[in-house]
Structures are given as structure tokens and as C-alpha cells.
């Protein structure tokens, strides 16, 4: 099923800026793609899977939460036991990018 594309001409500039900021760093992309097939994941597992430090994961997780791409199970950012999940909005953005990249390969 073809996802709805984001119409860049009618998209508010602040929303476009948030998408750009979230996807402008390779570690943030890897983090979101690690969460994509899963319901949720702890910060420790995310750090171990990506091979990043706590400081680095805290930085990226806070930004993704600020931009509306992540939610945390405890309602706060930080703490090794905090579990993170992608928001519905983040899943839609990832699906649109994935669909577009598959379409280009054809």
C-alpha cells in the first residue's frame, strides 16, 4: 500500500525543519530504524545495539523526543530503564522515506 507522501509545498516550515533535524544525523536515523520494527526498547539495549555512549544516546533521544519522533514509557527522558518507542508520526515519516527509496530503485 502506497503511503501518503508529505507535500513539501503545503507542509509548515517548522514541521519540515523538525524532519530535517531528526534525519540529519546518521546515529538518529540508525536509532529510529532500530526502533521501527519493535514495539519499544530500553535505552541500554539501544546503546548496545548502536555501540554508542550514554552521553551520545541521551543527546539523540532527547532531540528525537523534542521533535515528536519518540515517546518514553516513564514520561521522561533519561534513565537506563526508560523504554522508548516511535510515535505514529515517526513511523509515517519513515514509511514515506522507505517507500520513496524503494520506488527509486525500480
Protein backbone atom coordinates (compact mmCIF):
# COMPACT_ATOMS: atom_id res chain seq x y z
CA UNK A 1 0.00 0.00 0.00
CA UNK A 2 1.38 3.36 -1.03
CA UNK A 3 1.75 5.70 1.98
CA UNK A 4 0.69 9.30 1.72
CA UNK A 5 3.60 11.48 0.80
CA UNK A 6 4.39 14.62 2.67
CA UNK A 7 3.52 17.51 0.44
CA UNK A 8 6.52 19.78 0.93
CA UNK A 9 4.79 22.73 -0.71
CA UNK A 10 1.97 22.78 1.82
CA UNK A 11 3.95 21.50 4.82
CA UNK A 12 4.52 24.09 7.56
CA UNK A 13 8.17 25.11 7.64
CA UNK A 14 8.56 24.19 11.32
CA UNK A 15 7.45 20.60 10.63
CA UNK A 16 9.85 20.34 7.69
CA UNK A 17 12.66 21.68 9.90
CA UNK A 18 11.95 19.03 12.55
CA UNK A 19 12.02 16.24 9.98
CA UNK A 20 15.26 17.59 8.56
CA UNK A 21 16.83 17.89 12.02
CA UNK A 22 15.81 14.37 13.01
CA UNK A 23 17.17 12.82 9.81
CA UNK A 24 20.30 14.98 9.57
CA UNK A 25 22.38 12.69 11.79
CA UNK A 26 23.27 9.10 10.94
CA UNK A 27 23.01 7.91 14.57
CA UNK A 28 19.48 9.32 14.88
CA UNK A 29 18.48 7.53 11.70
CA UNK A 30 20.01 4.28 12.99
CA UNK A 31 18.24 4.76 16.31
CA UNK A 32 14.85 5.24 14.65
CA UNK A 33 15.40 2.31 12.30
CA UNK A 34 16.35 0.12 15.29
CA UNK A 35 13.04 1.01 16.92
CA UNK A 36 10.95 0.76 13.74
CA UNK A 37 10.25 -3.00 13.78
CA UNK A 38 9.85 -3.09 17.56
CA UNK A 39 7.13 -2.02 19.96
CA UNK A 40 9.63 -0.39 22.32
CA UNK A 41 13.20 -0.75 23.54
CA UNK A 42 15.22 0.25 26.61
CA UNK A 43 17.94 2.84 26.41
CA UNK A 44 20.55 0.25 27.39
CA UNK A 45 19.58 -2.07 24.54
CA UNK A 46 19.57 0.83 22.08
CA UNK A 47 23.04 1.91 23.24
CA UNK A 48 24.41 -1.62 22.99
CA UNK A 49 22.87 -2.23 19.57
CA UNK A 50 24.26 1.01 18.15
CA UNK A 51 27.55 0.96 20.04
CA UNK A 52 27.18 4.47 21.44
CA UNK A 53 27.88 6.02 24.83
CA UNK A 54 25.26 7.06 27.36
CA UNK A 55 26.04 10.72 26.70
CA UNK A 56 25.56 10.24 22.97
CA UNK A 57 22.31 8.28 23.38
CA UNK A 58 20.93 10.84 25.84
CA UNK A 59 21.62 13.64 23.36
CA UNK A 60 19.96 11.90 20.41
CA UNK A 61 17.00 10.56 22.40
CA UNK A 62 16.25 14.00 23.85
CA UNK A 63 16.30 15.59 20.40
CA UNK A 64 14.07 12.91 18.88
CA UNK A 65 11.63 13.26 21.76
CA UNK A 66 11.68 17.06 21.45
CA UNK A 67 10.91 16.82 17.72
CA UNK A 68 7.99 14.46 18.34
CA UNK A 69 9.56 11.28 16.97
CA UNK A 70 9.88 9.37 20.27
CA UNK A 71 7.84 8.70 23.37
CA UNK A 72 9.17 7.25 26.61
CA UNK A 73 7.33 4.79 28.82
CA UNK A 74 8.05 6.66 32.02
CA UNK A 75 7.03 10.03 30.60
CA UNK A 76 10.54 11.37 30.92
CA UNK A 77 13.81 11.25 29.06
CA UNK A 78 16.81 9.62 30.65
CA UNK A 79 17.50 6.69 32.88
CA UNK A 80 18.72 3.32 31.70
CA UNK A 81 15.36 1.69 32.46
CA UNK A 82 13.41 4.14 30.36
CA UNK A 83 11.83 2.43 27.37
CA UNK A 84 11.42 4.30 24.11
CA UNK A 85 9.07 3.84 21.18
CA UNK A 86 8.48 5.64 17.92
CA UNK A 87 5.46 7.89 17.67
CA UNK A 88 2.88 7.23 14.97
CA UNK A 89 4.14 10.37 13.25
CA UNK A 90 7.72 9.00 13.17
CA UNK A 91 6.50 5.71 11.70
CA UNK A 92 4.65 7.58 8.94
CA UNK A 93 7.75 9.62 8.08
CA UNK A 94 9.95 6.50 7.97
CA UNK A 95 7.41 4.64 5.84
CA UNK A 96 7.24 7.55 3.39
CA UNK A 97 11.04 7.64 3.07
CA UNK A 98 11.30 3.86 2.76
CA UNK A 99 8.59 3.73 0.10
CA UNK A 100 10.23 6.54 -1.85
CA UNK A 101 13.65 4.83 -1.76
CA UNK A 102 12.18 1.51 -2.96
CA UNK A 103 10.28 3.33 -5.70
CA UNK A 104 13.52 4.98 -6.92
CA UNK A 105 15.25 1.59 -7.28
CA UNK A 106 12.59 0.33 -9.73
